[in-house]
Amino acid sequence: MEFYPAIIVAVNQESAIARIEATAQQIVFPHSAFNAVPADVRQVGVKGFISFPKVPPVFTAEKAA
Protein backbone atom coordinates (compact mmCIF):
# COMPACT_ATOMS: atom_id res chain seq x y z
CA MET A 1 0.00 0.00 0.00
CA GLU A 2 1.22 3.47 -0.83
CA PHE A 3 0.33 6.89 0.55
CA TYR A 4 -0.24 9.89 -1.69
CA PRO A 5 -0.25 13.53 -0.51
CA ALA A 6 -3.75 14.95 -0.77
CA ILE A 7 -5.80 17.97 0.22
CA ILE A 8 -9.48 18.43 1.06
CA VAL A 9 -10.90 20.61 -1.73
CA ALA A 10 -14.64 20.59 -0.93
CA VAL A 11 -16.99 19.69 1.90
CA ASN A 12 -20.78 19.66 1.88
CA GLN A 13 -23.52 18.08 4.00
CA GLU A 14 -23.05 14.68 2.35
CA SER A 15 -19.34 14.26 1.64
CA ALA A 16 -15.77 15.53 1.62
CA ILE A 17 -13.75 15.58 -1.58
CA ALA A 18 -9.99 15.10 -1.51
CA ARG A 19 -7.62 15.71 -4.41
CA ILE A 20 -4.39 13.73 -4.83
CA GLU A 21 -1.74 16.40 -5.36
CA ALA A 22 0.41 14.51 -7.90
CA THR A 23 -2.41 13.47 -10.25
CA ALA A 24 -5.29 15.87 -9.47
CA GLN A 25 -7.54 12.80 -9.12
CA GLN A 26 -10.46 13.59 -6.83
CA ILE A 27 -11.98 11.07 -4.44
CA VAL A 28 -15.36 11.52 -2.75
CA PHE A 29 -15.64 10.37 0.87
CA PRO A 30 -19.34 10.19 1.91
CA HIS A 31 -19.86 11.16 5.57
CA SER A 32 -21.99 8.04 6.08
CA ALA A 33 -19.29 5.60 4.89
CA PHE A 34 -16.99 3.73 7.25
CA ASN A 35 -13.99 5.39 5.55
CA ALA A 36 -15.42 8.91 5.96
CA VAL A 37 -13.03 11.77 6.60
CA PRO A 38 -13.11 12.34 10.39
CA ALA A 39 -15.44 15.21 11.36
CA ASP A 40 -12.67 17.21 13.03
CA VAL A 41 -10.69 17.48 9.77
CA ARG A 42 -13.56 18.02 7.29
CA GLN A 43 -12.35 21.45 6.26
CA VAL A 44 -11.22 22.77 2.88
CA GLY A 45 -7.44 23.05 2.84
CA VAL A 46 -6.66 20.25 5.28
CA LYS A 47 -3.65 18.33 4.01
CA GLY A 48 -3.05 14.65 4.50
CA PHE A 49 -2.52 11.39 2.68
CA ILE A 50 -4.71 8.94 0.82
CA SER A 51 -3.88 5.26 1.12
CA PHE A 52 -4.02 3.62 -2.27
CA PRO A 53 -4.62 1.10 -3.79
CA LYS A 54 -6.52 0.19 -0.65
CA VAL A 55 -10.19 -0.17 -1.54
CA PRO A 56 -11.93 1.86 -0.44
CA PRO A 57 -9.25 4.55 -0.02
CA VAL A 58 -8.74 6.23 3.37
CA PHE A 59 -7.82 9.89 4.03
CA THR A 60 -5.44 10.47 6.92
CA ALA A 61 -4.80 14.08 7.98
CA GLU A 62 -1.31 15.35 8.68
CA LYS A 63 -0.65 16.07 12.32
CA ALA A 64 -0.41 19.74 13.24
CA ALA A 65 3.14 20.90 13.91
PDB file of N, CA and C in Angstrom:
ATOM      1  N   MET A   1       0.851  -1.177   0.000  1.00  0.00           N
ATOM      2  CA  MET A   1       0.000   0.000   0.000  1.00  0.00           C
ATOM      3  C   MET A   1       0.894   1.236   0.000  1.00  0.00           C
ATOM      4  N   GLU A   2       0.476   2.236  -0.748  1.00  0.00           N
ATOM      5  CA  GLU A   2       1.219   3.474  -0.826  1.00  0.00           C
ATOM      6  C   GLU A   2       0.359   4.624  -0.315  1.00  0.00           C
ATOM      7  N   PHE A   3       1.025   5.713   0.053  1.00  0.00           N
ATOM      8  CA  PHE A   3       0.332   6.891   0.548  1.00  0.00           C
ATOM      9  C   PHE A   3       0.649   8.072  -0.354  1.00  0.00           C
ATOM     10  N   TYR A   4      -0.395   8.778  -0.773  1.00  0.00           N
ATOM     11  CA  TYR A   4      -0.238   9.894  -1.694  1.00  0.00           C
ATOM     12  C   TYR A   4      -0.673  11.184  -1.015  1.00  0.00           C
ATOM     13  N   PRO A   5       0.156  12.245  -1.082  1.00  0.00           N
ATOM     14  CA  PRO A   5      -0.245  13.531  -0.509  1.00  0.00           C
ATOM     15  C   PRO A   5      -1.546  14.004  -1.150  1.00  0.00           C
ATOM     16  N   ALA A   6      -2.440  14.514  -0.303  1.00  0.00           N
ATOM     17  CA  ALA A   6      -3.754  14.952  -0.770  1.00  0.00           C
ATOM     18  C   ALA A   6      -4.212  16.140   0.054  1.00  0.00           C
ATOM     19  N   ILE A   7      -5.229  16.818  -0.466  1.00  0.00           N
ATOM     20  CA  ILE A   7      -5.799  17.973   0.221  1.00  0.00           C
ATOM     21  C   ILE A   7      -7.321  17.930   0.076  1.00  0.00           C
ATOM     22  N   ILE A   8      -8.024  18.338   1.126  1.00  0.00           N
ATOM     23  CA  ILE A   8      -9.483  18.427   1.064  1.00  0.00           C
ATOM     24  C   ILE A   8      -9.826  19.678   0.243  1.00  0.00           C
ATOM     25  N   VAL A   9     -10.584  19.489  -0.848  1.00  0.00           N
ATOM     26  CA  VAL A   9     -10.904  20.612  -1.733  1.00  0.00           C
ATOM     27  C   VAL A   9     -12.365  21.049  -1.654  1.00  0.00           C
ATOM     28  N   ALA A  10     -13.221  20.217  -1.065  1.00  0.00           N
ATOM     29  CA  ALA A  10     -14.637  20.586  -0.926  1.00  0.00           C
ATOM     30  C   ALA A  10     -15.270  19.752   0.172  1.00  0.00           C
ATOM     31  N   VAL A  11     -16.216  20.376   0.862  1.00  0.00           N
ATOM     32  CA  VAL A  11     -16.987  19.692   1.898  1.00  0.00           C
ATOM     33  C   VAL A  11     -18.417  20.198   1.807  1.00  0.00           C
ATOM     34  N   ASN A  12     -19.370  19.266   1.825  1.00  0.00           N
ATOM     35  CA  ASN A  12     -20.776  19.663   1.880  1.00  0.00           C
ATOM     36  C   ASN A  12     -21.475  18.799   2.927  1.00  0.00           C
ATOM     37  N   GLN A  13     -22.793  18.826   2.967  1.00  0.00           N
ATOM     38  CA  GLN A  13     -23.524  18.083   3.997  1.00  0.00           C
ATOM     39  C   GLN A  13     -23.417  16.577   3.818  1.00  0.00           C
ATOM     40  N   GLU A  14     -23.067  16.115   2.630  1.00  0.00           N
ATOM     41  CA  GLU A  14     -23.047  14.677   2.354  1.00  0.00           C
ATOM     42  C   GLU A  14     -21.667  14.058   2.249  1.00  0.00           C
ATOM     43  N   SER A  15     -20.646  14.864   1.885  1.00  0.00           N
ATOM     44  CA  SER A  15     -19.337  14.261   1.640  1.00  0.00           C
ATOM     45  C   SER A  15     -18.205  15.274   1.719  1.00  0.00           C
ATOM     46  N   ALA A  16     -16.997  14.739   1.753  1.00  0.00           N
ATOM     47  CA  ALA A  16     -15.772  15.528   1.625  1.00  0.00           C
ATOM     48  C   ALA A  16     -15.070  15.029   0.366  1.00  0.00           C
ATOM     49  N   ILE A  17     -14.465  15.947  -0.363  1.00  0.00           N
ATOM     50  CA  ILE A  17     -13.749  15.578  -1.584  1.00  0.00           C
ATOM     51  C   ILE A  17     -12.278  15.922  -1.384  1.00  0.00           C
ATOM     52  N   ALA A  18     -11.431  14.918  -1.617  1.00  0.00           N
ATOM     53  CA  ALA A  18      -9.989  15.102  -1.505  1.00  0.00           C
ATOM     54  C   ALA A  18      -9.373  14.973  -2.893  1.00  0.00           C
ATOM     55  N   ARG A  19      -8.331  15.765  -3.138  1.00  0.00           N
ATOM     56  CA  ARG A  19      -7.623  15.710  -4.413  1.00  0.00           C
ATOM     57  C   ARG A  19      -6.194  15.242  -4.167  1.00  0.00           C
ATOM     58  N   ILE A  20      -5.774  14.201  -4.897  1.00  0.00           N
ATOM     59  CA  ILE A  20      -4.394  13.729  -4.826  1.00  0.00           C
ATOM     60  C   ILE A  20      -3.534  14.774  -5.528  1.00  0.00           C
ATOM     61  N   GLU A  21      -2.520  15.292  -4.836  1.00  0.00           N
ATOM     62  CA  GLU A  21      -1.738  16.397  -5.365  1.00  0.00           C
ATOM     63  C   GLU A  21      -0.989  16.050  -6.648  1.00  0.00           C
ATOM     64  N   ALA A  22      -0.428  14.866  -6.744  1.00  0.00           N
ATOM     65  CA  ALA A  22       0.405  14.512  -7.901  1.00  0.00           C
ATOM     66  C   ALA A  22      -0.400  14.302  -9.185  1.00  0.00           C
ATOM     67  N   THR A  23      -1.640  13.837  -9.064  1.00  0.00           N
ATOM     68  CA  THR A  23      -2.413  13.468 -10.254  1.00  0.00           C
ATOM     69  C   THR A  23      -3.669  14.306 -10.455  1.00  0.00           C
ATOM     70  N   ALA A  24      -4.052  15.074  -9.467  1.00  0.00           N
ATOM     71  CA  ALA A  24      -5.290  15.869  -9.467  1.00  0.00           C
ATOM     72  C   ALA A  24      -6.538  14.993  -9.453  1.00  0.00           C
ATOM     73  N   GLN A  25      -6.386  13.690  -9.234  1.00  0.00           N
ATOM     74  CA  GLN A  25      -7.543  12.802  -9.121  1.00  0.00           C
ATOM     75  C   GLN A  25      -8.308  13.164  -7.858  1.00  0.00           C
ATOM     76  N   GLN A  26      -9.630  13.261  -7.976  1.00  0.00           N
ATOM     77  CA  GLN A  26     -10.464  13.587  -6.829  1.00  0.00           C
ATOM     78  C   GLN A  26     -11.208  12.348  -6.357  1.00  0.00           C
ATOM     79  N   ILE A  27     -11.286  12.212  -5.039  1.00  0.00           N
ATOM     80  CA  ILE A  27     -11.975  11.073  -4.441  1.00  0.00           C
ATOM     81  C   ILE A  27     -13.020  11.610  -3.475  1.00  0.00           C
ATOM     82  N   VAL A  28     -14.243  11.109  -3.601  1.00  0.00           N
ATOM     83  CA  VAL A  28     -15.355  11.522  -2.747  1.00  0.00           C
ATOM     84  C   VAL A  28     -15.444  10.569  -1.562  1.00  0.00           C
ATOM     85  N   PHE A  29     -15.495  11.140  -0.369  1.00  0.00           N
ATOM     86  CA  PHE A  29     -15.642  10.368   0.865  1.00  0.00           C
ATOM     87  C   PHE A  29     -16.987  10.716   1.504  1.00  0.00           C
ATOM     88  N   PRO A  30     -18.038   9.915   1.286  1.00  0.00           N
ATOM     89  CA  PRO A  30     -19.338  10.187   1.914  1.00  0.00           C
ATOM     90  C   PRO A  30     -19.218  10.169   3.449  1.00  0.00           C
ATOM     91  N   HIS A  31     -19.904  11.094   4.107  1.00  0.00           N
ATOM     92  CA  HIS A  31     -19.861  11.162   5.569  1.00  0.00           C
ATOM     93  C   HIS A  31     -20.462   9.919   6.227  1.00  0.00           C
ATOM     94  N   SER A  32     -21.332   9.219   5.512  1.00  0.00           N
ATOM     95  CA  SER A  32     -21.985   8.042   6.084  1.00  0.00           C
ATOM     96  C   SER A  32     -21.182   6.753   5.900  1.00  0.00           C
ATOM     97  N   ALA A  33     -20.091   6.806   5.154  1.00  0.00           N
ATOM     98  CA  ALA A  33     -19.292   5.603   4.888  1.00  0.00           C
ATOM     99  C   ALA A  33     -18.322   5.333   6.037  1.00  0.00           C
ATOM    100  N   PHE A  34     -17.911   4.072   6.166  1.00  0.00           N
ATOM    101  CA  PHE A  34     -16.988   3.726   7.246  1.00  0.00           C
ATOM    102  C   PHE A  34     -15.613   4.364   7.034  1.00  0.00           C
ATOM    103  N   ASN A  35     -15.279   4.743   5.818  1.00  0.00           N
ATOM    104  CA  ASN A  35     -13.994   5.391   5.554  1.00  0.00           C
ATOM    105  C   ASN A  35     -14.141   6.911   5.416  1.00  0.00           C
ATOM    106  N   ALA A  36     -15.177   7.473   6.022  1.00  0.00           N
ATOM    107  CA  ALA A  36     -15.421   8.915   5.957  1.00  0.00           C
ATOM    108  C   ALA A  36     -14.252   9.688   6.549  1.00  0.00           C
ATOM    109  N   VAL A  37     -14.034  10.885   6.020  1.00  0.00           N
ATOM    110  CA  VAL A  37     -13.028  11.772   6.599  1.00  0.00           C
ATOM    111  C   VAL A  37     -13.524  12.139   7.997  1.00  0.00           C
ATOM    112  N   PRO A  38     -12.677  12.023   9.021  1.00  0.00           N
ATOM    113  CA  PRO A  38     -13.108  12.341  10.386  1.00  0.00           C
ATOM    114  C   PRO A  38     -13.680  13.765  10.480  1.00  0.00           C
ATOM    115  N   ALA A  39     -14.732  13.925  11.257  1.00  0.00           N
ATOM    116  CA  ALA A  39     -15.443  15.205  11.362  1.00  0.00           C
ATOM    117  C   ALA A  39     -14.522  16.360  11.739  1.00  0.00           C
ATOM    118  N   ASP A  40     -13.535  16.124  12.573  1.00  0.00           N
ATOM    119  CA  ASP A  40     -12.673  17.210  13.028  1.00  0.00           C
ATOM    120  C   ASP A  40     -11.690  17.707  11.968  1.00  0.00           C
ATOM    121  N   VAL A  41     -11.573  17.022  10.844  1.00  0.00           N
ATOM    122  CA  VAL A  41     -10.686  17.483   9.767  1.00  0.00           C
ATOM    123  C   VAL A  41     -11.434  17.716   8.449  1.00  0.00           C
ATOM    124  N   ARG A  42     -12.740  17.775   8.497  1.00  0.00           N
ATOM    125  CA  ARG A  42     -13.556  18.021   7.293  1.00  0.00           C
ATOM    126  C   ARG A  42     -13.589  19.511   6.982  1.00  0.00           C
ATOM    127  N   GLN A  43     -12.449  20.037   6.579  1.00  0.00           N
ATOM    128  CA  GLN A  43     -12.345  21.447   6.255  1.00  0.00           C
ATOM    129  C   GLN A  43     -11.528  21.602   4.979  1.00  0.00           C
ATOM    130  N   VAL A  44     -11.962  22.493   4.108  1.00  0.00           N
ATOM    131  CA  VAL A  44     -11.218  22.769   2.885  1.00  0.00           C
ATOM    132  C   VAL A  44      -9.816  23.234   3.263  1.00  0.00           C
ATOM    133  N   GLY A  45      -8.831  22.668   2.603  1.00  0.00           N
ATOM    134  CA  GLY A  45      -7.442  23.048   2.835  1.00  0.00           C
ATOM    135  C   GLY A  45      -6.672  22.120   3.741  1.00  0.00           C
ATOM    136  N   VAL A  46      -7.362  21.188   4.407  1.00  0.00           N
ATOM    137  CA  VAL A  46      -6.660  20.247   5.283  1.00  0.00           C
ATOM    138  C   VAL A  46      -5.824  19.311   4.417  1.00  0.00           C
ATOM    139  N   LYS A  47      -4.546  19.206   4.756  1.00  0.00           N
ATOM    140  CA  LYS A  47      -3.651  18.332   4.007  1.00  0.00           C
ATOM    141  C   LYS A  47      -3.500  17.003   4.730  1.00  0.00           C
ATOM    142  N   GLY A  48      -3.247  15.982   3.934  1.00  0.00           N
ATOM    143  CA  GLY A  48      -3.054  14.655   4.495  1.00  0.00           C
ATOM    144  C   GLY A  48      -2.580  13.697   3.432  1.00  0.00           C
ATOM    145  N   PHE A  49      -2.931  12.440   3.601  1.00  0.00           N
ATOM    146  CA  PHE A  49      -2.521  11.394   2.679  1.00  0.00           C
ATOM    147  C   PHE A  49      -3.700  10.475   2.399  1.00  0.00           C
ATOM    148  N   ILE A  50      -3.722   9.939   1.185  1.00  0.00           N
ATOM    149  CA  ILE A  50      -4.715   8.936   0.824  1.00  0.00           C
ATOM    150  C   ILE A  50      -3.986   7.627   0.619  1.00  0.00           C
ATOM    151  N   SER A  51      -4.463   6.585   1.311  1.00  0.00           N
ATOM    152  CA  SER A  51      -3.883   5.257   1.122  1.00  0.00           C
ATOM    153  C   SER A  51      -4.472   4.672  -0.149  1.00  0.00           C
ATOM    154  N   PHE A  52      -3.602   4.154  -0.980  1.00  0.00           N
ATOM    155  CA  PHE A  52      -4.016   3.623  -2.268  1.00  0.00           C
ATOM    156  C   PHE A  52      -3.046   2.521  -2.626  1.00  0.00           C
ATOM    157  N   PRO A  53      -3.358   1.437  -3.162  1.00  0.00           N
ATOM    158  CA  PRO A  53      -4.617   1.101  -3.790  1.00  0.00           C
ATOM    159  C   PRO A  53      -5.618   0.447  -2.853  1.00  0.00           C
ATOM    160  N   LYS A  54      -5.539   0.745  -1.579  1.00  0.00           N
ATOM    161  CA  LYS A  54      -6.523   0.192  -0.654  1.00  0.00           C
ATOM    162  C   LYS A  54      -7.927   0.556  -1.134  1.00  0.00           C
ATOM    163  N   VAL A  55      -8.824  -0.406  -1.088  1.00  0.00           N
ATOM    164  CA  VAL A  55     -10.188  -0.168  -1.541  1.00  0.00           C
ATOM    165  C   VAL A  55     -11.121  -0.428  -0.373  1.00  0.00           C
ATOM    166  N   PRO A  56     -11.926   0.499   0.032  1.00  0.00           N
ATOM    167  CA  PRO A  56     -11.927   1.862  -0.443  1.00  0.00           C
ATOM    168  C   PRO A  56     -10.748   2.645   0.142  1.00  0.00           C
ATOM    169  N   PRO A  57     -10.366   3.753  -0.510  1.00  0.00           N
ATOM    170  CA  PRO A  57      -9.252   4.552  -0.016  1.00  0.00           C
ATOM    171  C   PRO A  57      -9.598   5.210   1.318  1.00  0.00           C
ATOM    172  N   VAL A  58      -8.566   5.588   2.064  1.00  0.00           N
ATOM    173  CA  VAL A  58      -8.742   6.227   3.367  1.00  0.00           C
ATOM    174  C   VAL A  58      -7.924   7.505   3.378  1.00  0.00           C
ATOM    175  N   PHE A  59      -8.530   8.607   3.879  1.00  0.00           N
ATOM    176  CA  PHE A  59      -7.825   9.890   4.028  1.00  0.00           C
ATOM    177  C   PHE A  59      -7.322   9.988   5.459  1.00  0.00           C
ATOM    178  N   THR A  60      -6.044  10.279   5.616  1.00  0.00           N
ATOM    179  CA  THR A  60      -5.436  10.472   6.924  1.00  0.00           C
ATOM    180  C   THR A  60      -4.840  11.874   6.955  1.00  0.00           C
ATOM    181  N   ALA A  61      -5.278  12.704   7.895  1.00  0.00           N
ATOM    182  CA  ALA A  61      -4.805  14.080   7.982  1.00  0.00           C
ATOM    183  C   ALA A  61      -3.401  14.115   8.552  1.00  0.00           C
ATOM    184  N   GLU A  62      -2.632  15.119   8.107  1.00  0.00           N
ATOM    185  CA  GLU A  62      -1.313  15.350   8.683  1.00  0.00           C
ATOM    186  C   GLU A  62      -1.512  15.868  10.092  1.00  0.00           C
ATOM    187  N   LYS A  63      -0.583  15.541  10.951  1.00  0.00           N
ATOM    188  CA  LYS A  63      -0.649  16.072  12.315  1.00  0.00           C
ATOM    189  C   LYS A  63      -0.165  17.500  12.327  1.00  0.00           C
ATOM    190  N   ALA A  64      -0.813  18.328  13.125  1.00  0.00           N
ATOM    191  CA  ALA A  64      -0.408  19.738  13.240  1.00  0.00           C
ATOM    192  C   ALA A  64       0.966  19.825  13.874  1.00  0.00           C
ATOM    193  N   ALA A  65       1.763  20.740  13.392  1.00  0.00           N
ATOM    194  CA  ALA A  65       3.136  20.899  13.909  1.00  0.00           C
ATOM    195  C   ALA A  65       3.143  21.611  15.230  1.00  0.00           C
TER     196      ALA A  65
END
